Each structure stands twice: as structure tokens, then as C-alpha cells.
PDB file of N, CA and C in Angstrom:
ATOM      1  N   MET A   1      42.252  13.415 -21.833  1.00  0.00           N
ATOM      2  CA  MET A   1      42.106  13.164 -20.580  1.00  0.00           C
ATOM      3  C   MET A   1      41.355  13.573 -20.013  1.00  0.00           C
ATOM      4  N   ARG A   2      40.487  12.353 -18.775  1.00  0.00           N
ATOM      5  CA  ARG A   2      39.197  12.707 -18.539  1.00  0.00           C
ATOM      6  C   ARG A   2      39.376  13.096 -17.380  1.00  0.00           C
ATOM      7  N   HIS A   3      40.433  13.673 -16.762  1.00  0.00           N
ATOM      8  CA  HIS A   3      40.310  14.146 -15.481  1.00  0.00           C
ATOM      9  C   HIS A   3      38.909  15.098 -15.126  1.00  0.00           C
ATOM     10  N   ARG A   4      38.639  15.193 -14.099  1.00  0.00           N
ATOM     11  CA  ARG A   4      37.115  15.311 -13.326  1.00  0.00           C
ATOM     12  C   ARG A   4      36.192  15.016 -14.449  1.00  0.00           C
ATOM     13  N   LYS A   5      36.027  14.221 -15.041  1.00  0.00           N
ATOM     14  CA  LYS A   5      34.724  13.291 -15.850  1.00  0.00           C
ATOM     15  C   LYS A   5      34.233  12.739 -14.802  1.00  0.00           C
ATOM     16  N   GLU A   6      32.867  12.497 -14.488  1.00  0.00           N
ATOM     17  CA  GLU A   6      33.134  11.836 -13.366  1.00  0.00           C
ATOM     18  C   GLU A   6      31.809  10.679 -14.178  1.00  0.00           C
ATOM     19  N   GLY A   7      31.358   9.593 -13.503  1.00  0.00           N
ATOM     20  CA  GLY A   7      30.657   8.169 -14.542  1.00  0.00           C
ATOM     21  C   GLY A   7      30.645   8.197 -16.077  1.00  0.00           C
ATOM     22  N   LYS A   8      30.234   6.684 -16.385  1.00  0.00           N
ATOM     23  CA  LYS A   8      30.017   6.201 -17.397  1.00  0.00           C
ATOM     24  C   LYS A   8      28.838   6.753 -18.669  1.00  0.00           C
ATOM     25  N   LYS A   9      29.614   7.305 -20.084  1.00  0.00           N
ATOM     26  CA  LYS A   9      28.579   7.779 -20.898  1.00  0.00           C
ATOM     27  C   LYS A   9      27.348   6.502 -21.507  1.00  0.00           C
ATOM     28  N   PHE A  10      28.378   5.385 -21.322  1.00  0.00           N
ATOM     29  CA  PHE A  10      27.492   4.336 -22.186  1.00  0.00           C
ATOM     30  C   PHE A  10      26.631   4.480 -23.746  1.00  0.00           C
ATOM     31  N   ASN A  11      27.554   5.481 -24.299  1.00  0.00           N
ATOM     32  CA  ASN A  11      27.851   5.701 -25.597  1.00  0.00           C
ATOM     33  C   ASN A  11      26.150   6.316 -26.208  1.00  0.00           C
ATOM     34  N   ARG A  12      25.784   6.995 -25.063  1.00  0.00           N
ATOM     35  CA  ARG A  12      24.356   8.046 -25.240  1.00  0.00           C
ATOM     36  C   ARG A  12      24.192   9.328 -24.530  1.00  0.00           C
ATOM     37  N   LEU A  13      23.578   9.627 -25.272  1.00  0.00           N
ATOM     38  CA  LEU A  13      23.459  10.753 -25.204  1.00  0.00           C
ATOM     39  C   LEU A  13      22.888  11.539 -23.803  1.00  0.00           C
ATOM     40  N   GLN A  14      23.043  12.540 -23.340  1.00  0.00           N
ATOM     41  CA  GLN A  14      22.302  12.943 -21.716  1.00  0.00           C
ATOM     42  C   GLN A  14      21.463  11.957 -21.418  1.00  0.00           C
ATOM     43  N   GLY A  15      20.038  12.848 -21.835  1.00  0.00           N
ATOM     44  CA  GLY A  15      19.004  12.495 -21.774  1.00  0.00           C
ATOM     45  C   GLY A  15      18.555  10.800 -21.722  1.00  0.00           C
ATOM     46  N   GLU A  16      19.212   9.973 -22.645  1.00  0.00           N
ATOM     47  CA  GLU A  16      18.761   8.647 -22.891  1.00  0.00           C
ATOM     48  C   GLU A  16      19.497   8.265 -21.797  1.00  0.00           C
ATOM     49  N   ARG A  17      20.625   8.144 -21.546  1.00  0.00           N
ATOM     50  CA  ARG A  17      21.377   8.140 -20.169  1.00  0.00           C
ATOM     51  C   ARG A  17      21.102   7.867 -19.262  1.00  0.00           C
ATOM     52  N   ARG A  18      20.381   9.409 -18.404  1.00  0.00           N
ATOM     53  CA  ARG A  18      19.355   9.294 -17.449  1.00  0.00           C
ATOM     54  C   ARG A  18      18.019   8.630 -17.591  1.00  0.00           C
ATOM     55  N   ALA A  19      17.533   8.258 -18.778  1.00  0.00           N
ATOM     56  CA  ALA A  19      16.055   6.980 -18.684  1.00  0.00           C
ATOM     57  C   ALA A  19      17.140   5.803 -18.142  1.00  0.00           C
ATOM     58  N   PHE A  20      18.056   5.620 -19.097  1.00  0.00           N
ATOM     59  CA  PHE A  20      18.848   4.751 -19.102  1.00  0.00           C
ATOM     60  C   PHE A  20      18.817   4.009 -17.774  1.00  0.00           C
ATOM     61  N   LEU A  21      19.351   4.973 -17.088  1.00  0.00           N
ATOM     62  CA  LEU A  21      19.893   4.353 -15.100  1.00  0.00           C
ATOM     63  C   LEU A  21      18.723   4.734 -14.400  1.00  0.00           C
ATOM     64  N   ARG A  22      17.810   5.621 -14.855  1.00  0.00           N
ATOM     65  CA  ARG A  22      16.225   5.496 -14.068  1.00  0.00           C
ATOM     66  C   ARG A  22      15.359   4.156 -14.482  1.00  0.00           C
ATOM     67  N   ASN A  23      15.761   3.859 -15.295  1.00  0.00           N
ATOM     68  CA  ASN A  23      15.118   2.355 -15.521  1.00  0.00           C
ATOM     69  C   ASN A  23      15.448   1.304 -14.965  1.00  0.00           C
ATOM     70  N   LEU A  24      17.153   1.282 -15.072  1.00  0.00           N
ATOM     71  CA  LEU A  24      17.272   0.308 -14.460  1.00  0.00           C
ATOM     72  C   LEU A  24      17.120   0.432 -12.282  1.00  0.00           C
ATOM     73  N   VAL A  25      17.665   1.646 -12.532  1.00  0.00           N
ATOM     74  CA  VAL A  25      16.730   1.779 -11.370  1.00  0.00           C
ATOM     75  C   VAL A  25      15.952   1.482 -10.390  1.00  0.00           C
ATOM     76  N   ASN A  26      14.818   1.273 -11.751  1.00  0.00           N
ATOM     77  CA  ASN A  26      13.399   1.420 -10.919  1.00  0.00           C
ATOM     78  C   ASN A  26      13.144   0.238 -10.725  1.00  0.00           C
ATOM     79  N   ASN A  27      13.869  -0.470 -11.968  1.00  0.00           N
ATOM     80  CA  ASN A  27      13.770  -2.261 -12.002  1.00  0.00           C
ATOM     81  C   ASN A  27      14.055  -2.993 -10.614  1.00  0.00           C
ATOM     82  N   LEU A  28      15.553  -2.604 -10.559  1.00  0.00           N
ATOM     83  CA  LEU A  28      16.130  -2.661  -9.253  1.00  0.00           C
ATOM     84  C   LEU A  28      15.316  -3.313  -7.943  1.00  0.00           C
ATOM     85  N   ILE A  29      14.406  -1.685  -8.045  1.00  0.00           N
ATOM     86  CA  ILE A  29      13.939  -1.344  -7.095  1.00  0.00           C
ATOM     87  C   ILE A  29      12.232  -2.553  -7.021  1.00  0.00           C
ATOM     88  N   ARG A  30      11.727  -2.348  -7.677  1.00  0.00           N
ATOM     89  CA  ARG A  30      10.280  -3.229  -7.873  1.00  0.00           C
ATOM     90  C   ARG A  30      11.030  -4.905  -8.034  1.00  0.00           C
ATOM     91  N   LEU A  31      12.108  -5.102  -8.243  1.00  0.00           N
ATOM     92  CA  LEU A  31      12.146  -6.767  -8.016  1.00  0.00           C
ATOM     93  C   LEU A  31      13.060  -7.090  -7.194  1.00  0.00           C
ATOM     94  N   GLY A  32      13.347  -6.043  -6.286  1.00  0.00           N
ATOM     95  CA  GLY A  32      14.765  -6.239  -5.461  1.00  0.00           C
ATOM     96  C   GLY A  32      16.320  -7.256  -6.184  1.00  0.00           C
ATOM     97  N   ARG A  33      16.228  -7.236  -6.744  1.00  0.00           N
ATOM     98  CA  ARG A  33      17.622  -7.789  -7.513  1.00  0.00           C
ATOM     99  C   ARG A  33      17.232  -7.820  -9.300  1.00  0.00           C
ATOM    100  N   ILE A  34      18.610  -7.844  -9.835  1.00  0.00           N
ATOM    101  CA  ILE A  34      18.627  -7.565 -11.013  1.00  0.00           C
ATOM    102  C   ILE A  34      19.597  -8.215 -11.683  1.00  0.00           C
ATOM    103  N   GLU A  35      20.135  -8.813 -12.791  1.00  0.00           N
ATOM    104  CA  GLU A  35      21.021  -9.264 -13.229  1.00  0.00           C
ATOM    105  C   GLU A  35      21.802  -8.172 -14.427  1.00  0.00           C
ATOM    106  N   THR A  36      23.029  -7.336 -14.666  1.00  0.00           N
ATOM    107  CA  THR A  36      23.113  -6.735 -15.799  1.00  0.00           C
ATOM    108  C   THR A  36      24.643  -6.546 -15.297  1.00  0.00           C
ATOM    109  N   THR A  37      25.480  -6.085 -16.063  1.00  0.00           N
ATOM    110  CA  THR A  37      27.005  -6.050 -16.470  1.00  0.00           C
ATOM    111  C   THR A  37      27.032  -5.192 -15.292  1.00  0.00           C
ATOM    112  N   GLU A  38      28.807  -5.678 -14.475  1.00  0.00           N
ATOM    113  CA  GLU A  38      29.367  -4.840 -13.627  1.00  0.00           C
ATOM    114  C   GLU A  38      29.702  -3.183 -13.726  1.00  0.00           C
ATOM    115  N   VAL A  39      29.801  -2.644 -14.973  1.00  0.00           N
ATOM    116  CA  VAL A  39      29.644  -1.751 -15.067  1.00  0.00           C
ATOM    117  C   VAL A  39      28.144  -0.974 -15.218  1.00  0.00           C
ATOM    118  N   ARG A  40      27.495  -1.348 -15.628  1.00  0.00           N
ATOM    119  CA  ARG A  40      26.050  -1.044 -15.125  1.00  0.00           C
ATOM    120  C   ARG A  40      25.735  -0.985 -13.769  1.00  0.00           C
ATOM    121  N   ALA A  41      25.901  -2.357 -12.878  1.00  0.00           N
ATOM    122  CA  ALA A  41      25.610  -2.061 -11.846  1.00  0.00           C
ATOM    123  C   ALA A  41      26.247  -1.229 -10.973  1.00  0.00           C
ATOM    124  N   LYS A  42      27.479  -0.913 -11.515  1.00  0.00           N
ATOM    125  CA  LYS A  42      28.670   0.387 -10.427  1.00  0.00           C
ATOM    126  C   LYS A  42      27.756   1.809 -10.411  1.00  0.00           C
ATOM    127  N   ALA A  43      27.362   1.603 -11.911  1.00  0.00           N
ATOM    128  CA  ALA A  43      26.855   3.115 -11.813  1.00  0.00           C
ATOM    129  C   ALA A  43      25.305   3.599 -11.491  1.00  0.00           C
ATOM    130  N   ILE A  44      24.405   2.327 -11.472  1.00  0.00           N
ATOM    131  CA  ILE A  44      23.174   2.556 -10.563  1.00  0.00           C
ATOM    132  C   ILE A  44      23.196   2.918  -8.540  1.00  0.00           C
ATOM    133  N   ARG A  45      24.188   2.098  -8.291  1.00  0.00           N
ATOM    134  CA  ARG A  45      24.144   1.546  -6.925  1.00  0.00           C
ATOM    135  C   ARG A  45      24.184   3.215  -6.645  1.00  0.00           C
ATOM    136  N   PRO A  46      24.953   4.507  -6.694  1.00  0.00           N
ATOM    137  CA  PRO A  46      24.926   5.520  -6.040  1.00  0.00           C
ATOM    138  C   PRO A  46      23.499   5.980  -6.202  1.00  0.00           C
ATOM    139  N   PHE A  47      22.484   6.124  -7.646  1.00  0.00           N
ATOM    140  CA  PHE A  47      21.387   6.317  -7.068  1.00  0.00           C
ATOM    141  C   PHE A  47      20.520   5.669  -7.018  1.00  0.00           C
ATOM    142  N   ALA A  48      20.766   4.565  -6.435  1.00  0.00           N
ATOM    143  CA  ALA A  48      20.028   3.733  -5.608  1.00  0.00           C
ATOM    144  C   ALA A  48      19.843   3.911  -4.499  1.00  0.00           C
ATOM    145  N   GLU A  49      21.127   3.693  -3.742  1.00  0.00           N
ATOM    146  CA  GLU A  49      21.757   4.624  -2.034  1.00  0.00           C
ATOM    147  C   GLU A  49      20.840   5.942  -2.277  1.00  0.00           C
ATOM    148  N   ARG A  50      20.838   6.237  -3.030  1.00  0.00           N
ATOM    149  CA  ARG A  50      20.604   8.092  -2.578  1.00  0.00           C
ATOM    150  C   ARG A  50      19.065   8.306  -2.870  1.00  0.00           C
ATOM    151  N   LEU A  51      18.495   7.259  -3.186  1.00  0.00           N
ATOM    152  CA  LEU A  51      16.687   7.240  -3.134  1.00  0.00           C
ATOM    153  C   LEU A  51      16.554   6.714  -1.394  1.00  0.00           C
ATOM    154  N   VAL A  52      17.034   5.565  -1.422  1.00  0.00           N
ATOM    155  CA  VAL A  52      16.206   4.935  -0.402  1.00  0.00           C
ATOM    156  C   VAL A  52      16.914   5.964   1.126  1.00  0.00           C
ATOM    157  N   THR A  53      17.957   6.628   0.681  1.00  0.00           N
ATOM    158  CA  THR A  53      18.406   7.738   1.855  1.00  0.00           C
ATOM    159  C   THR A  53      17.274   8.662   2.110  1.00  0.00           C
ATOM    160  N   VAL A  54      16.801   9.222   0.929  1.00  0.00           N
ATOM    161  CA  VAL A  54      15.782  10.154   0.993  1.00  0.00           C
ATOM    162  C   VAL A  54      14.375   9.595   1.094  1.00  0.00           C
ATOM    163  N   ALA A  55      14.475   8.051   1.560  1.00  0.00           N
ATOM    164  CA  ALA A  55      12.909   7.742   1.430  1.00  0.00           C
ATOM    165  C   ALA A  55      13.099   7.206   2.787  1.00  0.00           C
ATOM    166  N   LYS A  56      14.136   7.781   3.508  1.00  0.00           N
ATOM    167  CA  LYS A  56      14.084   7.253   5.125  1.00  0.00           C
ATOM    168  C   LYS A  56      13.458   8.612   5.905  1.00  0.00           C
ATOM    169  N   ARG A  57      13.161   9.283   4.850  1.00  0.00           N
ATOM    170  CA  ARG A  57      13.235  10.835   5.639  1.00  0.00           C
ATOM    171  C   ARG A  57      11.631  10.385   6.003  1.00  0.00           C
ATOM    172  N   GLN A  58      10.972   9.844   5.213  1.00  0.00           N
ATOM    173  CA  GLN A  58       9.182   9.814   5.628  1.00  0.00           C
ATOM    174  C   GLN A  58       8.385  10.675   6.108  1.00  0.00           C
ATOM    175  N   THR A  59       9.097  11.998   5.017  1.00  0.00           N
ATOM    176  CA  THR A  59       8.090  12.932   4.966  1.00  0.00           C
ATOM    177  C   THR A  59       7.396  13.337   3.312  1.00  0.00           C
ATOM    178  N   LEU A  60       6.401  14.724   3.663  1.00  0.00           N
ATOM    179  CA  LEU A  60       5.657  14.627   2.472  1.00  0.00           C
ATOM    180  C   LEU A  60       7.126  15.043   0.701  1.00  0.00           C
ATOM    181  N   GLY A  61       7.748  15.994   1.114  1.00  0.00           N
ATOM    182  CA  GLY A  61       8.692  16.432   0.198  1.00  0.00           C
ATOM    183  C   GLY A  61       9.813  15.591   0.261  1.00  0.00           C
ATOM    184  N   SER A  62       9.690  14.373   1.105  1.00  0.00           N
ATOM    185  CA  SER A  62      10.659  13.158   0.256  1.00  0.00           C
ATOM    186  C   SER A  62       9.946  12.289  -0.794  1.00  0.00           C
ATOM    187  N   ARG A  63       8.718  12.070  -0.467  1.00  0.00           N
ATOM    188  CA  ARG A  63       7.725  11.380  -1.359  1.00  0.00           C
ATOM    189  C   ARG A  63       7.805  11.988  -2.598  1.00  0.00           C
ATOM    190  N   ARG A  64       7.596  13.195  -2.682  1.00  0.00           N
ATOM    191  CA  ARG A  64       7.606  14.084  -4.431  1.00  0.00           C
ATOM    192  C   ARG A  64       8.950  14.197  -4.810  1.00  0.00           C
ATOM    193  N   LEU A  65       9.959  14.134  -3.630  1.00  0.00           N
ATOM    194  CA  LEU A  65      11.530  14.372  -4.433  1.00  0.00           C
ATOM    195  C   LEU A  65      11.814  12.636  -5.375  1.00  0.00           C
ATOM    196  N   LEU A  66      11.025  11.547  -4.661  1.00  0.00           N
ATOM    197  CA  LEU A  66      11.209  10.397  -4.998  1.00  0.00           C
ATOM    198  C   LEU A  66      10.482  10.581  -6.279  1.00  0.00           C
ATOM    199  N   PHE A  67       9.087  11.223  -6.265  1.00  0.00           N
ATOM    200  CA  PHE A  67       8.649  10.435  -7.603  1.00  0.00           C
ATOM    201  C   PHE A  67       9.641  11.550  -8.749  1.00  0.00           C
ATOM    202  N   GLY A  68      10.103  12.639  -8.012  1.00  0.00           N
ATOM    203  CA  GLY A  68      10.522  13.562  -9.464  1.00  0.00           C
ATOM    204  C   GLY A  68      11.902  12.823 -10.002  1.00  0.00           C
ATOM    205  N   ARG A  69      12.406  11.942  -8.784  1.00  0.00           N
ATOM    206  CA  ARG A  69      13.731  11.217  -9.304  1.00  0.00           C
ATOM    207  C   ARG A  69      13.128   9.737  -9.829  1.00  0.00           C
ATOM    208  N   THR A  70      12.380   8.904 -10.017  1.00  0.00           N
ATOM    209  CA  THR A  70      11.836   8.081 -10.476  1.00  0.00           C
ATOM    210  C   THR A  70      10.613   7.667 -11.859  1.00  0.00           C
ATOM    211  N   HIS A  71      10.063   9.100 -11.470  1.00  0.00           N
ATOM    212  CA  HIS A  71       8.886   8.874 -12.786  1.00  0.00           C
ATOM    213  C   HIS A  71       8.044   7.655 -12.322  1.00  0.00           C
ATOM    214  N   ASP A  72       7.588   7.034 -11.531  1.00  0.00           N
ATOM    215  CA  ASP A  72       7.004   5.849 -11.610  1.00  0.00           C
ATOM    216  C   ASP A  72       6.399   5.829  -9.433  1.00  0.00           C
ATOM    217  N   ARG A  73       5.026   6.075  -9.632  1.00  0.00           N
ATOM    218  CA  ARG A  73       4.025   5.578  -8.482  1.00  0.00           C
ATOM    219  C   ARG A  73       4.646   4.436  -7.825  1.00  0.00           C
ATOM    220  N   VAL A  74       4.576   3.066  -8.470  1.00  0.00           N
ATOM    221  CA  VAL A  74       4.147   2.240  -7.982  1.00  0.00           C
ATOM    222  C   VAL A  74       6.031   1.695  -7.126  1.00  0.00           C
ATOM    223  N   VAL A  75       6.610   2.097  -7.374  1.00  0.00           N
ATOM    224  CA  VAL A  75       8.702   2.328  -7.324  1.00  0.00           C
ATOM    225  C   VAL A  75       8.761   3.342  -5.733  1.00  0.00           C
ATOM    226  N   THR A  76       8.023   4.716  -6.407  1.00  0.00           N
ATOM    227  CA  THR A  76       8.098   5.586  -5.319  1.00  0.00           C
ATOM    228  C   THR A  76       7.206   5.167  -4.125  1.00  0.00           C
ATOM    229  N   GLN A  77       6.136   4.267  -4.132  1.00  0.00           N
ATOM    230  CA  GLN A  77       5.540   3.748  -3.458  1.00  0.00           C
ATOM    231  C   GLN A  77       6.611   2.718  -2.399  1.00  0.00           C
ATOM    232  N   LYS A  78       6.698   1.860  -3.327  1.00  0.00           N
ATOM    233  CA  LYS A  78       7.883   0.926  -2.353  1.00  0.00           C
ATOM    234  C   LYS A  78       9.052   1.770  -2.011  1.00  0.00           C
ATOM    235  N   LEU A  79       9.621   2.485  -2.110  1.00  0.00           N
ATOM    236  CA  LEU A  79      10.520   2.846  -1.369  1.00  0.00           C
ATOM    237  C   LEU A  79      10.251   3.764  -0.496  1.00  0.00           C
ATOM    238  N   TYR A  80       9.145   4.709  -0.420  1.00  0.00           N
ATOM    239  CA  TYR A  80       8.373   5.185   0.399  1.00  0.00           C
ATOM    240  C   TYR A  80       7.777   4.280   1.581  1.00  0.00           C
ATOM    241  N   GLY A  81       7.036   3.384   1.599  1.00  0.00           N
ATOM    242  CA  GLY A  81       6.482   2.276   2.328  1.00  0.00           C
ATOM    243  C   GLY A  81       7.469   1.575   2.607  1.00  0.00           C
ATOM    244  N   GLU A  82       8.384   0.807   1.513  1.00  0.00           N
ATOM    245  CA  GLU A  82       8.527  -0.926   2.683  1.00  0.00           C
ATOM    246  C   GLU A  82      10.846  -0.552   2.647  1.00  0.00           C
ATOM    247  N   LEU A  83      10.790   0.264   1.486  1.00  0.00           N
ATOM    248  CA  LEU A  83      12.354   0.367   1.661  1.00  0.00           C
ATOM    249  C   LEU A  83      12.736   1.040   3.005  1.00  0.00           C
ATOM    250  N   GLY A  84      11.907   2.516   2.932  1.00  0.00           N
ATOM    251  CA  GLY A  84      12.884   3.941   3.834  1.00  0.00           C
ATOM    252  C   GLY A  84      12.326   3.108   5.265  1.00  0.00           C
ATOM    253  N   PRO A  85      11.263   2.572   6.106  1.00  0.00           N
ATOM    254  CA  PRO A  85      11.580   2.337   6.918  1.00  0.00           C
ATOM    255  C   PRO A  85      12.672   1.158   7.347  1.00  0.00           C
ATOM    256  N   ARG A  86      13.046  -0.575   6.358  1.00  0.00           N
ATOM    257  CA  ARG A  86      13.700  -1.750   6.335  1.00  0.00           C
ATOM    258  C   ARG A  86      14.819  -0.530   6.847  1.00  0.00           C
ATOM    259  N   TYR A  87      15.638  -0.033   5.836  1.00  0.00           N
ATOM    260  CA  TYR A  87      16.660   0.755   6.249  1.00  0.00           C
ATOM    261  C   TYR A  87      16.626   2.355   7.303  1.00  0.00           C
ATOM    262  N   SER A  88      15.693   1.998   8.095  1.00  0.00           N
ATOM    263  CA  SER A  88      15.698   3.645   8.938  1.00  0.00           C
ATOM    264  C   SER A  88      17.094   3.731  10.154  1.00  0.00           C
ATOM    265  N   ASP A  89      17.658   2.449  10.805  1.00  0.00           N
ATOM    266  CA  ASP A  89      18.321   2.234  11.451  1.00  0.00           C
ATOM    267  C   ASP A  89      19.861   2.232  10.653  1.00  0.00           C
ATOM    268  N   ARG A  90      20.308   2.047   9.573  1.00  0.00           N
ATOM    269  CA  ARG A  90      21.563   1.499   8.686  1.00  0.00           C
ATOM    270  C   ARG A  90      21.627   2.987   8.152  1.00  0.00           C
ATOM    271  N   LYS A  91      22.940   3.538   8.170  1.00  0.00           N
ATOM    272  CA  LYS A  91      23.666   4.843   8.230  1.00  0.00           C
ATOM    273  C   LYS A  91      23.857   4.603   5.876  1.00  0.00           C
ATOM    274  N   GLY A  92      24.054   3.687   6.008  1.00  0.00           N
ATOM    275  CA  GLY A  92      24.388   3.083   4.394  1.00  0.00           C
ATOM    276  C   GLY A  92      24.415   2.175   3.795  1.00  0.00           C
ATOM    277  N   GLY A  93      25.196   1.892   2.717  1.00  0.00           N
ATOM    278  CA  GLY A  93      25.655   0.440   1.886  1.00  0.00           C
ATOM    279  C   GLY A  93      23.826  -0.155   1.782  1.00  0.00           C
ATOM    280  N   TYR A  94      23.577  -0.065   1.497  1.00  0.00           N
ATOM    281  CA  TYR A  94      22.190  -0.796   1.092  1.00  0.00           C
ATOM    282  C   TYR A  94      21.548  -1.469   0.024  1.00  0.00           C
ATOM    283  N   THR A  95      22.360  -1.842  -1.112  1.00  0.00           N
ATOM    284  CA  THR A  95      23.210  -2.530  -1.660  1.00  0.00           C
ATOM    285  C   THR A  95      24.123  -2.928  -1.713  1.00  0.00           C
ATOM    286  N   ARG A  96      24.603  -4.951  -2.641  1.00  0.00           N
ATOM    287  CA  ARG A  96      25.167  -4.802  -2.714  1.00  0.00           C
ATOM    288  C   ARG A  96      25.723  -5.421  -4.294  1.00  0.00           C
ATOM    289  N   ILE A  97      26.444  -5.579  -4.426  1.00  0.00           N
ATOM    290  CA  ILE A  97      27.136  -6.179  -6.135  1.00  0.00           C
ATOM    291  C   ILE A  97      28.165  -7.563  -6.182  1.00  0.00           C
ATOM    292  N   ILE A  98      27.270  -8.662  -6.310  1.00  0.00           N
ATOM    293  CA  ILE A  98      27.677  -9.931  -6.364  1.00  0.00           C
ATOM    294  C   ILE A  98      28.000 -10.190  -8.123  1.00  0.00           C
ATOM    295  N   LYS A  99      29.525 -10.157  -8.349  1.00  0.00           N
ATOM    296  CA  LYS A  99      29.831 -10.356 -10.089  1.00  0.00           C
ATOM    297  C   LYS A  99      29.917 -12.040  -9.846  1.00  0.00           C
ATOM    298  N   LEU A 100      29.603 -12.536 -11.134  1.00  0.00           N
ATOM    299  CA  LEU A 100      28.369 -13.522 -11.273  1.00  0.00           C
ATOM    300  C   LEU A 100      30.567 -14.581 -11.538  1.00  0.00           C
ATOM    301  N   GLY A 101      31.235 -13.631 -12.810  1.00  0.00           N
ATOM    302  CA  GLY A 101      32.188 -14.767 -12.888  1.00  0.00           C
ATOM    303  C   GLY A 101      31.898 -15.375 -14.408  1.00  0.00           C
ATOM    304  N   LYS A 102      30.778 -14.694 -15.061  1.00  0.00           N
ATOM    305  CA  LYS A 102      30.683 -15.391 -16.214  1.00  0.00           C
ATOM    306  C   LYS A 102      30.260 -14.149 -17.047  1.00  0.00           C
ATOM    307  N   THR A 103      30.076 -14.010 -18.640  1.00  0.00           N
ATOM    308  CA  THR A 103      30.390 -13.023 -19.379  1.00  0.00           C
ATOM    309  C   THR A 103      29.248 -13.622 -20.459  1.00  0.00           C
ATOM    310  N   ARG A 104      28.504 -12.261 -20.913  1.00  0.00           N
ATOM    311  CA  ARG A 104      27.410 -12.124 -21.888  1.00  0.00           C
ATOM    312  C   ARG A 104      27.696 -12.854 -23.435  1.00  0.00           C
ATOM    313  N   LYS A 105      27.086 -14.166 -23.951  1.00  0.00           N
ATOM    314  CA  LYS A 105      28.016 -14.274 -25.020  1.00  0.00           C
ATOM    315  C   LYS A 105      28.240 -13.691 -26.382  1.00  0.00           C
ATOM    316  N   ARG A 106      27.301 -12.208 -26.574  1.00  0.00           N
ATOM    317  CA  ARG A 106      27.612 -11.878 -28.034  1.00  0.00           C
ATOM    318  C   ARG A 106      28.619 -10.648 -27.846  1.00  0.00           C
ATOM    319  N   ASP A 107      29.096 -10.043 -26.608  1.00  0.00           N
ATOM    320  CA  ASP A 107      29.905  -9.177 -26.663  1.00  0.00           C
ATOM    321  C   ASP A 107      30.632  -9.442 -25.512  1.00  0.00           C
ATOM    322  N   GLY A 108      30.937 -10.620 -24.668  1.00  0.00           N
ATOM    323  CA  GLY A 108      31.868 -10.702 -23.853  1.00  0.00           C
ATOM    324  C   GLY A 108      32.223  -9.687 -22.552  1.00  0.00           C
ATOM    325  N   SER A 109      30.179  -9.149 -22.488  1.00  0.00           N
ATOM    326  CA  SER A 109      30.670  -8.061 -20.905  1.00  0.00           C
ATOM    327  C   SER A 109      30.202  -8.976 -20.000  1.00  0.00           C
ATOM    328  N   ARG A 110      31.325  -9.152 -18.122  1.00  0.00           N
ATOM    329  CA  ARG A 110      31.196  -9.988 -17.382  1.00  0.00           C
ATOM    330  C   ARG A 110      29.814  -9.150 -16.887  1.00  0.00           C
ATOM    331  N   LEU A 111      29.386  -9.842 -15.922  1.00  0.00           N
ATOM    332  CA  LEU A 111      27.899  -9.663 -15.239  1.00  0.00           C
ATOM    333  C   LEU A 111      28.101  -9.287 -14.258  1.00  0.00           C
ATOM    334  N   ALA A 112      26.866  -9.156 -13.390  1.00  0.00           N
ATOM    335  CA  ALA A 112      27.146  -9.318 -12.070  1.00  0.00           C
ATOM    336  C   ALA A 112      25.575  -9.073 -11.464  1.00  0.00           C
ATOM    337  N   THR A 113      25.393  -9.321 -10.386  1.00  0.00           N
ATOM    338  CA  THR A 113      24.520  -9.078  -9.903  1.00  0.00           C
ATOM    339  C   THR A 113      23.830  -7.684  -8.934  1.00  0.00           C
ATOM    340  N   ILE A 114      23.213  -7.207  -8.776  1.00  0.00           N
ATOM    341  CA  ILE A 114      22.504  -6.289  -8.060  1.00  0.00           C
ATOM    342  C   ILE A 114      21.743  -6.348  -7.318  1.00  0.00           C
ATOM    343  N   GLU A 115      21.607  -5.970  -5.530  1.00  0.00           N
ATOM    344  CA  GLU A 115      20.378  -6.355  -4.916  1.00  0.00           C
ATOM    345  C   GLU A 115      20.980  -5.532  -3.725  1.00  0.00           C
ATOM    346  N   PHE A 116      19.743  -5.330  -3.192  1.00  0.00           N
ATOM    347  CA  PHE A 116      19.580  -4.769  -1.764  1.00  0.00           C
ATOM    348  C   PHE A 116      20.036  -6.062  -0.335  1.00  0.00           C
ATOM    349  N   VAL A 117      20.684  -4.968   0.388  1.00  0.00           N
ATOM    350  CA  VAL A 117      20.885  -6.106   1.546  1.00  0.00           C
ATOM    351  C   VAL A 117      19.989  -6.476   2.596  1.00  0.00           C
TER     352      VAL A 117
END
């Protein structure tokens, strides 16, 4: 039974899974929109939205927290300098997932696009 088990494992160990999700979120922030599977998009959405919420505070502590979670200076600067101020008046829901209605050829996974609103 999977009672009280949260999140998908993606057939990876814990460290690999964290790095995998971090890289997906970094790509989303860097590019603004990525095409991935529905399951991956649903998994990275809360992580990306928490980062934007932290970036809205505009303090040195929040900048350090962002760098600790993203491990990338370019992504941290974009969150802190661009995305935080852009969503300062918005309460939440910074991303949207658009289901594409097509599947990947090799494994049949349903594809989706995740982007910032």
C-alpha cells in the first residue's frame, strides 16, 4: 500500500531524483517553457512555484535560499531579478501545464508543456 507516500520515484535513488527534478526546474526557469511528460510536469510544478514564492520576498536570505535549492547562479539571478518582481502581486499559480495530446514514440508516455503564466 502507498498510504502517506508522497511523490513519484521515477525509478531513481533519492539523490539522483533530487538532481533530476532540480535540473528540470532549472531548465524551466531558464527557458520559460519546457516540453516533458505529464508526470514529470506535475512533479516539478510545486518545486518551481515554491521557488517563485521565495523569490518574491526580495531579501538576501531568500537569494541564498534560492541558490541553495537551484545550485545555479544564472537561474537564481533570473528568479530573484525577473520572476520574483513579475509575480509580486500574484498569490500563487505561477505555472500552467498544457497536455499536448500526443505520446512519445519510444515508450508511449503522454507529453505536456509546462510554462510560466
